[in-house]
């Protein structure tokens, strides 16, 4: 049996259940459904967090019957490289990202319990954040980090993404991490960057809440999390620069304009602009520009994700060619752009 695959499936089901029960409960002012939504949210965090810890355990013990472990871990690696293999590939990094968003959302709800609990702004912030988590978990179901080798009917060995009850094939060793990734910066650069990316979700969700409700208290949620995003993204970009200088020799300390490297810089610029704009927002200015910058920052993060995973631009960071998962990210990006543009346009004309 493959418990990790079951945990991923259950995480997606509970996340969808949290969104649906939360939405219906909000529309009908049903307290019971709202309570159910919050319980399902916690259940999703526990399930997804457990799956991440289980994957880290398999990477550490080099259980190469899982294809992700086979591709990124091996017994000759130091323990910190085996644990760092969690974010060495697409599936592990997506799982870390989803768990981070869930954890941050729980912190937001607990932090603003006294002032915003039960308000339409908080409900919309919750539901949008949970919907984004559903997208990530859906991608993990399609490209499962617990995909396992098993024996087919003709005696050959295949990989299953769907069936958690097949008899797994015993693979004695893993091929190990990409040599370019075997660097101490691997332990700190990717998780720092992904935590920054995950934190952008909260300002985005709060900004959409403001566009829908005109509740100016969204800034109380968004600004602190934008600061966290900016801090982690700054550290991530800086650490990545040290790493690239050591391994790739990208022209001393100058910017190399690698597509993925540059795509992470653009949301940093918009986040910096937001942190400046929000100082005047508190004085009644930038009522349109502040939410615009918060929304744009998250959209640019998703765009950076698409650049990394689509393989459409040549980069040392790219993981693969254009696949079904890349197409889903492209559709997700398109939905974000269209819906956000509509809401921002409506706010713009309202202010005029």
C-alpha atoms as a PDB file:
ATOM      1  CA  UNK A   1       0.000   0.000   0.000  1.00  0.00           C
ATOM      2  CA  UNK A   2       1.103   3.577  -0.719  1.00  0.00           C
ATOM      3  CA  UNK A   3      -0.011   5.778   2.241  1.00  0.00           C
ATOM      4  CA  UNK A   4       1.608   8.910   0.820  1.00  0.00           C
ATOM      5  CA  UNK A   5      -0.580   8.767  -2.284  1.00  0.00           C
ATOM      6  CA  UNK A   6      -3.677   8.367  -0.105  1.00  0.00           C
ATOM      7  CA  UNK A   7      -2.656  11.420   1.945  1.00  0.00           C
ATOM      8  CA  UNK A   8      -2.314  13.539  -1.209  1.00  0.00           C
ATOM      9  CA  UNK A   9      -5.756  12.480  -2.418  1.00  0.00           C
ATOM     10  CA  UNK A  10      -7.327  13.143   0.995  1.00  0.00           C
ATOM     11  CA  UNK A  11      -5.619  16.548   1.160  1.00  0.00           C
ATOM     12  CA  UNK A  12      -7.240  17.553  -2.124  1.00  0.00           C
ATOM     13  CA  UNK A  13     -10.665  16.253  -1.067  1.00  0.00           C
ATOM     14  CA  UNK A  14     -10.585  18.090   2.276  1.00  0.00           C
ATOM     15  CA  UNK A  15      -9.370  21.317   0.623  1.00  0.00           C
ATOM     16  CA  UNK A  16     -12.221  21.201  -1.901  1.00  0.00           C
ATOM     17  CA  UNK A  17     -14.642  20.409   0.929  1.00  0.00           C
ATOM     18  CA  UNK A  18     -13.345  23.399   2.919  1.00  0.00           C
ATOM     19  CA  UNK A  19     -13.887  25.719  -0.053  1.00  0.00           C
ATOM     20  CA  UNK A  20     -17.393  24.461  -0.859  1.00  0.00           C
ATOM     21  CA  UNK A  21     -18.648  24.377   2.742  1.00  0.00           C
ATOM     22  CA  UNK A  22     -17.080  27.768   3.431  1.00  0.00           C
ATOM     23  CA  UNK A  23     -18.649  29.336   0.345  1.00  0.00           C
ATOM     24  CA  UNK A  24     -22.109  27.906   0.977  1.00  0.00           C
ATOM     25  CA  UNK A  25     -21.883  28.760   4.665  1.00  0.00           C
ATOM     26  CA  UNK A  26     -20.893  32.344   3.838  1.00  0.00           C
ATOM     27  CA  UNK A  27     -23.672  32.826   1.280  1.00  0.00           C
ATOM     28  CA  UNK A  28     -26.355  31.344   3.539  1.00  0.00           C
ATOM     29  CA  UNK A  29     -24.899  32.656   6.830  1.00  0.00           C
ATOM     30  CA  UNK A  30     -24.782  29.074   8.066  1.00  0.00           C
ATOM     31  CA  UNK A  31     -22.555  28.886  11.145  1.00  0.00           C
ATOM     32  CA  UNK A  32     -22.403  25.077  11.086  1.00  0.00           C
ATOM     33  CA  UNK A  33     -21.030  25.015   7.543  1.00  0.00           C
ATOM     34  CA  UNK A  34     -18.517  27.721   8.444  1.00  0.00           C
ATOM     35  CA  UNK A  35     -17.319  25.623  11.376  1.00  0.00           C
ATOM     36  CA  UNK A  36     -17.096  22.559   9.124  1.00  0.00           C
ATOM     37  CA  UNK A  37     -15.018  24.547   6.625  1.00  0.00           C
ATOM     38  CA  UNK A  38     -12.501  25.532   9.295  1.00  0.00           C
ATOM     39  CA  UNK A  39     -12.248  21.939  10.545  1.00  0.00           C
ATOM     40  CA  UNK A  40     -11.660  20.685   7.009  1.00  0.00           C
ATOM     41  CA  UNK A  41      -9.030  23.392   6.561  1.00  0.00           C
ATOM     42  CA  UNK A  42      -7.125  22.106   9.609  1.00  0.00           C
ATOM     43  CA  UNK A  43      -7.559  18.531   8.388  1.00  0.00           C
ATOM     44  CA  UNK A  44      -6.098  19.503   5.016  1.00  0.00           C
ATOM     45  CA  UNK A  45      -3.085  21.106   6.713  1.00  0.00           C
ATOM     46  CA  UNK A  46      -2.514  17.983   8.832  1.00  0.00           C
ATOM     47  CA  UNK A  47      -2.878  15.615   5.870  1.00  0.00           C
ATOM     48  CA  UNK A  48      -0.686  17.640   3.507  1.00  0.00           C
ATOM     49  CA  UNK A  49       1.879  18.259   6.246  1.00  0.00           C
ATOM     50  CA  UNK A  50       1.954  14.547   7.056  1.00  0.00           C
ATOM     51  CA  UNK A  51       2.494  13.682   3.389  1.00  0.00           C
ATOM     52  CA  UNK A  52       5.410  16.130   3.231  1.00  0.00           C
ATOM     53  CA  UNK A  53       7.010  14.645   6.354  1.00  0.00           C
ATOM     54  CA  UNK A  54       6.485  11.144   4.943  1.00  0.00           C
ATOM     55  CA  UNK A  55       8.158  12.122   1.676  1.00  0.00           C
ATOM     56  CA  UNK A  56      11.098  13.578   3.618  1.00  0.00           C
ATOM     57  CA  UNK A  57      11.367  10.293   5.526  1.00  0.00           C
ATOM     58  CA  UNK A  58      11.456   8.293   2.291  1.00  0.00           C
ATOM     59  CA  UNK A  59      14.084  10.650   0.872  1.00  0.00           C
ATOM     60  CA  UNK A  60      16.198  10.329   4.012  1.00  0.00           C
ATOM     61  CA  UNK A  61      15.963   6.521   4.105  1.00  0.00           C
ATOM     62  CA  UNK A  62      16.316   6.353   0.285  1.00  0.00           C
ATOM     63  CA  UNK A  63      13.201   4.273  -0.355  1.00  0.00           C
ATOM     64  CA  UNK A  64      13.810   4.232  -4.106  1.00  0.00           C
ATOM     65  CA  UNK A  65      10.611   2.337  -4.851  1.00  0.00           C
ATOM     66  CA  UNK A  66       9.170   5.847  -5.187  1.00  0.00           C
ATOM     67  CA  UNK A  67      10.195   7.459  -8.463  1.00  0.00           C
ATOM     68  CA  UNK A  68      10.731  10.874  -6.854  1.00  0.00           C
ATOM     69  CA  UNK A  69      13.108   9.356  -4.297  1.00  0.00           C
ATOM     70  CA  UNK A  70      14.917   7.388  -7.013  1.00  0.00           C
ATOM     71  CA  UNK A  71      15.449  10.552  -9.067  1.00  0.00           C
ATOM     72  CA  UNK A  72      16.615  12.847  -6.264  1.00  0.00           C
ATOM     73  CA  UNK A  73      18.106  10.842  -3.380  1.00  0.00           C
ATOM     74  CA  UNK A  74      20.804   8.217  -2.865  1.00  0.00           C
ATOM     75  CA  UNK A  75      22.693   6.599  -0.015  1.00  0.00           C
ATOM     76  CA  UNK A  76      25.954   8.379  -0.885  1.00  0.00           C
ATOM     77  CA  UNK A  77      24.435  11.824  -0.224  1.00  0.00           C
ATOM     78  CA  UNK A  78      24.907  13.610   3.083  1.00  0.00           C
ATOM     79  CA  UNK A  79      21.789  13.680   5.259  1.00  0.00           C
ATOM     80  CA  UNK A  80      21.090  17.361   4.582  1.00  0.00           C
ATOM     81  CA  UNK A  81      21.169  16.763   0.814  1.00  0.00           C
ATOM     82  CA  UNK A  82      18.726  13.893   1.181  1.00  0.00           C
ATOM     83  CA  UNK A  83      16.318  16.133   3.099  1.00  0.00           C
ATOM     84  CA  UNK A  84      16.930  19.000   0.662  1.00  0.00           C
ATOM     85  CA  UNK A  85      15.843  16.674  -2.127  1.00  0.00           C
ATOM     86  CA  UNK A  86      12.291  17.552  -1.053  1.00  0.00           C
ATOM     87  CA  UNK A  87      12.542  20.752  -3.125  1.00  0.00           C
ATOM     88  CA  UNK A  88      14.904  19.387  -5.799  1.00  0.00           C
ATOM     89  CA  UNK A  89      12.002  18.532  -8.115  1.00  0.00           C
ATOM     90  CA  UNK A  90       8.621  19.880  -9.136  1.00  0.00           C
ATOM     91  CA  UNK A  91       6.471  17.590  -6.997  1.00  0.00           C
ATOM     92  CA  UNK A  92       8.306  18.179  -3.728  1.00  0.00           C
ATOM     93  CA  UNK A  93       8.518  21.933  -4.187  1.00  0.00           C
ATOM     94  CA  UNK A  94       4.788  22.123  -4.989  1.00  0.00           C
ATOM     95  CA  UNK A  95       4.008  20.141  -1.840  1.00  0.00           C
ATOM     96  CA  UNK A  96       6.172  22.468   0.272  1.00  0.00           C
ATOM     97  CA  UNK A  97       4.446  25.470  -1.324  1.00  0.00           C
ATOM     98  CA  UNK A  98       0.931  24.131  -0.633  1.00  0.00           C
ATOM     99  CA  UNK A  99       1.710  23.251   2.987  1.00  0.00           C
ATOM    100  CA  UNK A 100       3.284  26.680   3.516  1.00  0.00           C
ATOM    101  CA  UNK A 101       0.168  28.465   2.227  1.00  0.00           C
ATOM    102  CA  UNK A 102      -2.058  26.371   4.513  1.00  0.00           C
ATOM    103  CA  UNK A 103       0.121  27.108   7.528  1.00  0.00           C
ATOM    104  CA  UNK A 104       0.174  30.832   6.769  1.00  0.00           C
ATOM    105  CA  UNK A 105      -3.601  30.911   6.326  1.00  0.00           C
ATOM    106  CA  UNK A 106      -4.109  29.331   9.751  1.00  0.00           C
ATOM    107  CA  UNK A 107      -1.771  31.953  11.254  1.00  0.00           C
ATOM    108  CA  UNK A 108      -3.743  34.751   9.545  1.00  0.00           C
ATOM    109  CA  UNK A 109      -7.031  33.493  10.983  1.00  0.00           C
ATOM    110  CA  UNK A 110      -5.605  33.155  14.483  1.00  0.00           C
ATOM    111  CA  UNK A 111      -3.868  36.555  14.325  1.00  0.00           C
ATOM    112  CA  UNK A 112      -6.955  38.516  13.267  1.00  0.00           C
ATOM    113  CA  UNK A 113      -9.561  36.619  15.298  1.00  0.00           C
ATOM    114  CA  UNK A 114     -10.512  39.624  17.429  1.00  0.00           C
ATOM    115  CA  UNK A 115     -10.956  42.138  14.601  1.00  0.00           C
ATOM    116  CA  UNK A 116     -11.867  40.280  11.397  1.00  0.00           C
ATOM    117  CA  UNK A 117     -13.237  36.882  12.390  1.00  0.00           C
ATOM    118  CA  UNK A 118     -16.537  36.217  10.645  1.00  0.00           C
ATOM    119  CA  UNK A 119     -16.286  39.249   8.355  1.00  0.00           C
ATOM    120  CA  UNK A 120     -16.830  38.965   4.609  1.00  0.00           C
ATOM    121  CA  UNK A 121     -13.223  40.103   4.068  1.00  0.00           C
ATOM    122  CA  UNK A 122     -11.791  37.252   6.124  1.00  0.00           C
ATOM    123  CA  UNK A 123     -14.109  34.697   4.521  1.00  0.00           C
ATOM    124  CA  UNK A 124     -13.086  35.757   1.020  1.00  0.00           C
ATOM    125  CA  UNK A 125      -9.412  35.762   2.011  1.00  0.00           C
ATOM    126  CA  UNK A 126      -9.821  32.215   3.340  1.00  0.00           C
ATOM    127  CA  UNK A 127     -11.710  30.894   0.339  1.00  0.00           C
ATOM    128  CA  UNK A 128      -9.342  32.365  -2.240  1.00  0.00           C
ATOM    129  CA  UNK A 129      -6.285  31.054  -0.378  1.00  0.00           C
ATOM    130  CA  UNK A 130      -7.875  27.607  -0.081  1.00  0.00           C
ATOM    131  CA  UNK A 131      -8.808  27.642  -3.771  1.00  0.00           C
ATOM    132  CA  UNK A 132      -5.167  28.321  -4.668  1.00  0.00           C
ATOM    133  CA  UNK A 133      -4.136  25.400  -2.448  1.00  0.00           C
ATOM    134  CA  UNK A 134      -6.643  23.229  -4.353  1.00  0.00           C
ATOM    135  CA  UNK A 135      -4.856  24.071  -7.607  1.00  0.00           C
ATOM    136  CA  UNK A 136      -1.493  23.026  -6.178  1.00  0.00           C
ATOM    137  CA  UNK A 137      -2.897  19.824  -4.687  1.00  0.00           C
ATOM    138  CA  UNK A 138      -4.620  19.050  -7.991  1.00  0.00           C
ATOM    139  CA  UNK A 139      -1.251  19.351  -9.731  1.00  0.00           C
ATOM    140  CA  UNK A 140       0.215  16.993  -7.127  1.00  0.00           C
ATOM    141  CA  UNK A 141      -2.498  14.434  -7.863  1.00  0.00           C
ATOM    142  CA  UNK A 142      -1.612  14.600 -11.575  1.00  0.00           C
ATOM    143  CA  UNK A 143       2.128  14.444 -10.923  1.00  0.00           C
ATOM    144  CA  UNK A 144       2.241  12.638  -7.626  1.00  0.00           C
ATOM    145  CA  UNK A 145       5.377  12.829  -5.429  1.00  0.00           C
ATOM    146  CA  UNK A 146       4.507   9.289  -4.282  1.00  0.00           C
ATOM    147  CA  UNK A 147       4.429   7.765  -7.762  1.00  0.00           C
ATOM    148  CA  UNK A 148       5.758   4.235  -7.294  1.00  0.00           C
ATOM    149  CA  UNK A 149       7.433   1.587  -9.394  1.00  0.00           C
ATOM    150  CA  UNK A 150       5.443  -1.634  -9.738  1.00  0.00           C
ATOM    151  CA  UNK A 151       5.496  -4.780 -11.864  1.00  0.00           C
ATOM    152  CA  UNK A 152       3.162  -4.811 -14.865  1.00  0.00           C
ATOM    153  CA  UNK A 153       1.282  -7.876 -16.110  1.00  0.00           C
ATOM    154  CA  UNK A 154       3.920  -8.515 -18.787  1.00  0.00           C
ATOM    155  CA  UNK A 155       6.712  -8.577 -16.199  1.00  0.00           C
ATOM    156  CA  UNK A 156       8.089  -5.123 -16.987  1.00  0.00           C
ATOM    157  CA  UNK A 157       8.312  -2.305 -14.463  1.00  0.00           C
ATOM    158  CA  UNK A 158       6.042   0.743 -14.696  1.00  0.00           C
ATOM    159  CA  UNK A 159       5.113   3.781 -12.616  1.00  0.00           C
ATOM    160  CA  UNK A 160       1.676   4.420 -11.121  1.00  0.00           C
ATOM    161  CA  UNK A 161       0.342   7.880 -10.271  1.00  0.00           C
ATOM    162  CA  UNK A 162      -3.121   6.743  -9.268  1.00  0.00           C
ATOM    163  CA  UNK A 163      -3.359   3.361  -7.574  1.00  0.00           C
ATOM    164  CA  UNK A 164      -2.156   3.370  -3.939  1.00  0.00           C
ATOM    165  CA  UNK A 165      -2.778  -0.358  -3.494  1.00  0.00           C
ATOM    166  CA  UNK A 166      -0.412  -1.875  -6.073  1.00  0.00           C
ATOM    167  CA  UNK A 167       2.500  -3.998  -4.955  1.00  0.00           C
ATOM    168  CA  UNK A 168       5.526  -1.735  -5.187  1.00  0.00           C
ATOM    169  CA  UNK A 169       8.679  -2.920  -6.927  1.00  0.00           C
ATOM    170  CA  UNK A 170      11.758  -2.957  -4.665  1.00  0.00           C
ATOM    171  CA  UNK A 171      14.390  -0.633  -6.148  1.00  0.00           C
ATOM    172  CA  UNK A 172      17.674  -1.162  -4.259  1.00  0.00           C
ATOM    173  CA  UNK A 173      19.253   2.276  -4.804  1.00  0.00           C
ATOM    174  CA  UNK A 174      18.537   5.810  -5.992  1.00  0.00           C
ATOM    175  CA  UNK A 175      20.345   7.666  -8.747  1.00  0.00           C
ATOM    176  CA  UNK A 176      20.827  10.709  -6.544  1.00  0.00           C
ATOM    177  CA  UNK A 177      20.592  14.457  -6.909  1.00  0.00           C
ATOM    178  CA  UNK A 178      21.668  16.439  -9.958  1.00  0.00           C
ATOM    179  CA  UNK A 179      25.385  17.271  -9.446  1.00  0.00           C
ATOM    180  CA  UNK A 180      24.676  20.999  -9.920  1.00  0.00           C
ATOM    181  CA  UNK A 181      22.376  20.862  -6.900  1.00  0.00           C
ATOM    182  CA  UNK A 182      24.927  19.247  -4.591  1.00  0.00           C
ATOM    183  CA  UNK A 183      25.875  22.495  -2.940  1.00  0.00           C
ATOM    184  CA  UNK A 184      25.262  23.777   0.616  1.00  0.00           C
ATOM    185  CA  UNK A 185      23.160  26.626  -0.815  1.00  0.00           C
ATOM    186  CA  UNK A 186      20.657  23.948  -1.874  1.00  0.00           C
ATOM    187  CA  UNK A 187      19.609  23.602   1.763  1.00  0.00           C
ATOM    188  CA  UNK A 188      18.585  27.261   2.122  1.00  0.00           C
ATOM    189  CA  UNK A 189      17.982  28.981  -1.257  1.00  0.00           C
ATOM    190  CA  UNK A 190      14.941  27.043  -2.615  1.00  0.00           C
ATOM    191  CA  UNK A 191      12.917  26.832   0.642  1.00  0.00           C
ATOM    192  CA  UNK A 192      13.550  30.523   1.327  1.00  0.00           C
ATOM    193  CA  UNK A 193      12.308  31.401  -2.155  1.00  0.00           C
ATOM    194  CA  UNK A 194       9.254  29.124  -1.891  1.00  0.00           C
ATOM    195  CA  UNK A 195       8.281  30.565   1.495  1.00  0.00           C
ATOM    196  CA  UNK A 196       8.400  34.011  -0.101  1.00  0.00           C
ATOM    197  CA  UNK A 197       6.270  32.812  -3.000  1.00  0.00           C
ATOM    198  CA  UNK A 198       3.756  31.204  -0.640  1.00  0.00           C
ATOM    199  CA  UNK A 199       3.421  34.357   1.465  1.00  0.00           C
ATOM    200  CA  UNK A 200       2.356  36.361  -1.621  1.00  0.00           C
ATOM    201  CA  UNK A 201      -0.924  34.402  -1.540  1.00  0.00           C
ATOM    202  CA  UNK A 202      -2.225  36.211   1.538  1.00  0.00           C
ATOM    203  CA  UNK A 203      -1.884  39.822   0.227  1.00  0.00           C
ATOM    204  CA  UNK A 204      -3.420  38.689  -3.073  1.00  0.00           C
ATOM    205  CA  UNK A 205      -6.416  37.064  -1.378  1.00  0.00           C
ATOM    206  CA  UNK A 206      -6.892  40.060   0.939  1.00  0.00           C
ATOM    207  CA  UNK A 207      -6.679  42.478  -2.017  1.00  0.00           C
ATOM    208  CA  UNK A 208      -9.356  40.526  -3.900  1.00  0.00           C
ATOM    209  CA  UNK A 209     -11.414  40.644  -0.708  1.00  0.00           C
ATOM    210  CA  UNK A 210     -11.071  44.419  -0.710  1.00  0.00           C
ATOM    211  CA  UNK A 211     -12.076  44.675  -4.375  1.00  0.00           C
ATOM    212  CA  UNK A 212     -15.221  42.670  -3.618  1.00  0.00           C
ATOM    213  CA  UNK A 213     -16.194  44.155  -0.255  1.00  0.00           C
ATOM    214  CA  UNK A 214     -14.532  47.622  -0.168  1.00  0.00           C
ATOM    215  CA  UNK A 215     -13.320  46.738   3.334  1.00  0.00           C
ATOM    216  CA  UNK A 216     -10.208  48.862   3.890  1.00  0.00           C
ATOM    217  CA  UNK A 217      -9.043  46.601   6.701  1.00  0.00           C
ATOM    218  CA  UNK A 218      -7.538  44.321   4.033  1.00  0.00           C
ATOM    219  CA  UNK A 219      -4.344  46.345   4.351  1.00  0.00           C
ATOM    220  CA  UNK A 220      -3.938  45.158   7.952  1.00  0.00           C
ATOM    221  CA  UNK A 221      -3.711  41.592   6.621  1.00  0.00           C
ATOM    222  CA  UNK A 222      -1.829  42.270   3.409  1.00  0.00           C
ATOM    223  CA  UNK A 223       0.983  44.551   4.518  1.00  0.00           C
ATOM    224  CA  UNK A 224       2.600  42.325   7.145  1.00  0.00           C
ATOM    225  CA  UNK A 225       2.509  39.337   4.814  1.00  0.00           C
ATOM    226  CA  UNK A 226       3.880  41.422   1.958  1.00  0.00           C
ATOM    227  CA  UNK A 227       6.771  42.357   4.216  1.00  0.00           C
ATOM    228  CA  UNK A 228       7.366  38.679   4.936  1.00  0.00           C
ATOM    229  CA  UNK A 229       7.164  37.903   1.212  1.00  0.00           C
ATOM    230  CA  UNK A 230       9.575  40.698   0.376  1.00  0.00           C
ATOM    231  CA  UNK A 231      12.035  39.583   3.064  1.00  0.00           C
ATOM    232  CA  UNK A 232      12.093  35.929   2.014  1.00  0.00           C
ATOM    233  CA  UNK A 233      12.177  36.765  -1.688  1.00  0.00           C
ATOM    234  CA  UNK A 234      15.080  39.171  -1.128  1.00  0.00           C
ATOM    235  CA  UNK A 235      16.979  36.515   0.811  1.00  0.00           C
ATOM    236  CA  UNK A 236      16.139  33.880  -1.795  1.00  0.00           C
ATOM    237  CA  UNK A 237      17.344  36.002  -4.698  1.00  0.00           C
ATOM    238  CA  UNK A 238      20.510  36.948  -2.817  1.00  0.00           C
ATOM    239  CA  UNK A 239      21.322  33.372  -1.801  1.00  0.00           C
ATOM    240  CA  UNK A 240      20.639  32.237  -5.363  1.00  0.00           C
ATOM    241  CA  UNK A 241      23.134  34.836  -6.571  1.00  0.00           C
ATOM    242  CA  UNK A 242      25.844  33.436  -4.286  1.00  0.00           C
ATOM    243  CA  UNK A 243      25.066  29.921  -5.494  1.00  0.00           C
ATOM    244  CA  UNK A 244      25.142  30.869  -9.175  1.00  0.00           C
ATOM    245  CA  UNK A 245      28.417  32.743  -8.696  1.00  0.00           C
ATOM    246  CA  UNK A 246      30.069  29.735  -7.075  1.00  0.00           C
ATOM    247  CA  UNK A 247      28.776  27.018  -9.417  1.00  0.00           C
ATOM    248  CA  UNK A 248      28.086  28.692 -12.756  1.00  0.00           C
ATOM    249  CA  UNK A 249      30.385  31.698 -12.672  1.00  0.00           C
ATOM    250  CA  UNK A 250      27.768  34.093 -13.991  1.00  0.00           C
ATOM    251  CA  UNK A 251      30.093  37.049 -14.554  1.00  0.00           C
ATOM    252  CA  UNK A 252      31.090  37.862 -10.973  1.00  0.00           C
ATOM    253  CA  UNK A 253      28.221  39.561  -9.083  1.00  0.00           C
ATOM    254  CA  UNK A 254      26.409  41.034 -12.073  1.00  0.00           C
ATOM    255  CA  UNK A 255      22.880  39.977 -12.970  1.00  0.00           C
ATOM    256  CA  UNK A 256      22.892  37.258 -15.644  1.00  0.00           C
ATOM    257  CA  UNK A 257      19.315  37.812 -16.933  1.00  0.00           C
ATOM    258  CA  UNK A 258      18.570  34.096 -16.821  1.00  0.00           C
ATOM    259  CA  UNK A 259      14.784  33.840 -17.525  1.00  0.00           C
ATOM    260  CA  UNK A 260      13.885  32.164 -14.238  1.00  0.00           C
ATOM    261  CA  UNK A 261      16.219  34.392 -12.253  1.00  0.00           C
ATOM    262  CA  UNK A 262      14.638  37.470 -13.817  1.00  0.00           C
ATOM    263  CA  UNK A 263      11.074  36.188 -13.337  1.00  0.00           C
ATOM    264  CA  UNK A 264      11.687  36.094  -9.568  1.00  0.00           C
ATOM    265  CA  UNK A 265      12.974  39.685  -9.619  1.00  0.00           C
ATOM    266  CA  UNK A 266       9.797  41.152 -11.174  1.00  0.00           C
ATOM    267  CA  UNK A 267       7.425  40.316  -8.246  1.00  0.00           C
ATOM    268  CA  UNK A 268      10.125  41.637  -5.912  1.00  0.00           C
ATOM    269  CA  UNK A 269       9.865  44.990  -7.700  1.00  0.00           C
ATOM    270  CA  UNK A 270       6.062  45.116  -7.457  1.00  0.00           C
ATOM    271  CA  UNK A 271       6.213  44.040  -3.795  1.00  0.00           C
ATOM    272  CA  UNK A 272       8.665  46.865  -3.098  1.00  0.00           C
ATOM    273  CA  UNK A 273       6.313  49.291  -4.853  1.00  0.00           C
ATOM    274  CA  UNK A 274       3.392  48.034  -2.735  1.00  0.00           C
ATOM    275  CA  UNK A 275       5.292  48.572   0.513  1.00  0.00           C
ATOM    276  CA  UNK A 276       5.868  52.167  -0.518  1.00  0.00           C
ATOM    277  CA  UNK A 277       2.287  52.692  -1.729  1.00  0.00           C
ATOM    278  CA  UNK A 278       0.668  51.335   1.436  1.00  0.00           C
ATOM    279  CA  UNK A 279       2.279  54.133   3.462  1.00  0.00           C
ATOM    280  CA  UNK A 280       0.088  56.605   1.555  1.00  0.00           C
ATOM    281  CA  UNK A 281      -2.892  54.225   1.419  1.00  0.00           C
ATOM    282  CA  UNK A 282      -3.374  54.748   5.132  1.00  0.00           C
ATOM    283  CA  UNK A 283      -3.852  58.454   4.397  1.00  0.00           C
ATOM    284  CA  UNK A 284      -6.563  57.848   1.825  1.00  0.00           C
ATOM    285  CA  UNK A 285      -4.391  57.693  -1.290  1.00  0.00           C
ATOM    286  CA  UNK A 286      -3.634  54.885  -3.776  1.00  0.00           C
ATOM    287  CA  UNK A 287      -7.020  53.219  -3.267  1.00  0.00           C
ATOM    288  CA  UNK A 288      -6.610  51.611  -6.690  1.00  0.00           C
ATOM    289  CA  UNK A 289      -2.817  51.267  -6.966  1.00  0.00           C
ATOM    290  CA  UNK A 290      -2.283  49.433  -3.636  1.00  0.00           C
ATOM    291  CA  UNK A 291      -4.585  46.444  -4.395  1.00  0.00           C
ATOM    292  CA  UNK A 292      -3.309  46.484  -7.992  1.00  0.00           C
ATOM    293  CA  UNK A 293       0.263  45.963  -6.787  1.00  0.00           C
ATOM    294  CA  UNK A 294      -0.756  43.227  -4.323  1.00  0.00           C
ATOM    295  CA  UNK A 295      -2.661  41.366  -7.046  1.00  0.00           C
ATOM    296  CA  UNK A 296       0.081  41.852  -9.637  1.00  0.00           C
ATOM    297  CA  UNK A 297       2.765  40.518  -7.278  1.00  0.00           C
ATOM    298  CA  UNK A 298       1.031  37.158  -6.878  1.00  0.00           C
ATOM    299  CA  UNK A 299       0.201  36.889 -10.579  1.00  0.00           C
ATOM    300  CA  UNK A 300       3.876  37.490 -11.375  1.00  0.00           C
ATOM    301  CA  UNK A 301       4.830  34.732  -8.913  1.00  0.00           C
ATOM    302  CA  UNK A 302       2.547  32.313 -10.770  1.00  0.00           C
ATOM    303  CA  UNK A 303       4.105  33.537 -14.021  1.00  0.00           C
ATOM    304  CA  UNK A 304       7.559  32.787 -12.579  1.00  0.00           C
ATOM    305  CA  UNK A 305       6.306  29.296 -11.738  1.00  0.00           C
ATOM    306  CA  UNK A 306       5.085  28.854 -15.308  1.00  0.00           C
ATOM    307  CA  UNK A 307       8.445  30.005 -16.683  1.00  0.00           C
ATOM    308  CA  UNK A 308      10.250  27.456 -14.503  1.00  0.00           C
ATOM    309  CA  UNK A 309       8.005  24.504 -15.289  1.00  0.00           C
ATOM    310  CA  UNK A 310       7.010  25.088 -18.903  1.00  0.00           C
ATOM    311  CA  UNK A 311      10.438  24.657 -20.478  1.00  0.00           C
ATOM    312  CA  UNK A 312       9.488  27.361 -22.987  1.00  0.00           C
ATOM    313  CA  UNK A 313      12.547  29.433 -22.076  1.00  0.00           C
ATOM    314  CA  UNK A 314      16.046  27.944 -21.938  1.00  0.00           C
ATOM    315  CA  UNK A 315      17.291  28.182 -18.360  1.00  0.00           C
ATOM    316  CA  UNK A 316      19.461  26.231 -15.951  1.00  0.00           C
ATOM    317  CA  UNK A 317      16.451  26.317 -13.576  1.00  0.00           C
ATOM    318  CA  UNK A 318      13.937  24.729 -15.966  1.00  0.00           C
ATOM    319  CA  UNK A 319      12.866  21.215 -15.003  1.00  0.00           C
ATOM    320  CA  UNK A 320      10.988  19.886 -18.010  1.00  0.00           C
ATOM    321  CA  UNK A 321       9.353  20.437 -21.376  1.00  0.00           C
ATOM    322  CA  UNK A 322       5.778  21.691 -21.767  1.00  0.00           C
ATOM    323  CA  UNK A 323       3.410  19.120 -20.199  1.00  0.00           C
ATOM    324  CA  UNK A 324      -0.183  18.809 -19.016  1.00  0.00           C
ATOM    325  CA  UNK A 325       0.869  20.274 -15.661  1.00  0.00           C
ATOM    326  CA  UNK A 326       2.376  23.277 -17.444  1.00  0.00           C
ATOM    327  CA  UNK A 327      -0.900  23.721 -19.347  1.00  0.00           C
ATOM    328  CA  UNK A 328      -2.872  23.726 -16.064  1.00  0.00           C
ATOM    329  CA  UNK A 329      -0.577  26.402 -14.644  1.00  0.00           C
ATOM    330  CA  UNK A 330      -1.088  28.413 -17.854  1.00  0.00           C
ATOM    331  CA  UNK A 331      -4.877  28.130 -17.491  1.00  0.00           C
ATOM    332  CA  UNK A 332      -4.639  29.075 -13.798  1.00  0.00           C
ATOM    333  CA  UNK A 333      -2.530  32.100 -14.736  1.00  0.00           C
ATOM    334  CA  UNK A 334      -5.052  33.127 -17.395  1.00  0.00           C
ATOM    335  CA  UNK A 335      -7.964  32.857 -14.938  1.00  0.00           C
ATOM    336  CA  UNK A 336      -6.077  34.974 -12.403  1.00  0.00           C
ATOM    337  CA  UNK A 337      -5.296  37.659 -14.977  1.00  0.00           C
ATOM    338  CA  UNK A 338      -8.821  37.844 -16.415  1.00  0.00           C
ATOM    339  CA  UNK A 339     -10.686  37.822 -13.093  1.00  0.00           C
ATOM    340  CA  UNK A 340      -8.280  40.273 -11.456  1.00  0.00           C
ATOM    341  CA  UNK A 341      -8.417  42.606 -14.457  1.00  0.00           C
ATOM    342  CA  UNK A 342     -12.224  42.637 -14.275  1.00  0.00           C
ATOM    343  CA  UNK A 343     -12.260  43.456 -10.553  1.00  0.00           C
ATOM    344  CA  UNK A 344      -9.542  46.094 -10.867  1.00  0.00           C
ATOM    345  CA  UNK A 345     -11.283  47.716 -13.834  1.00  0.00           C
ATOM    346  CA  UNK A 346     -14.513  47.876 -11.849  1.00  0.00           C
ATOM    347  CA  UNK A 347     -12.696  49.557  -8.932  1.00  0.00           C
ATOM    348  CA  UNK A 348     -11.001  51.998 -11.313  1.00  0.00           C
ATOM    349  CA  UNK A 349     -14.262  53.153 -12.869  1.00  0.00           C
ATOM    350  CA  UNK A 350     -15.928  53.336  -9.443  1.00  0.00           C
ATOM    351  CA  UNK A 351     -13.250  55.730  -8.239  1.00  0.00           C
ATOM    352  CA  UNK A 352     -13.637  57.861 -11.363  1.00  0.00           C
END
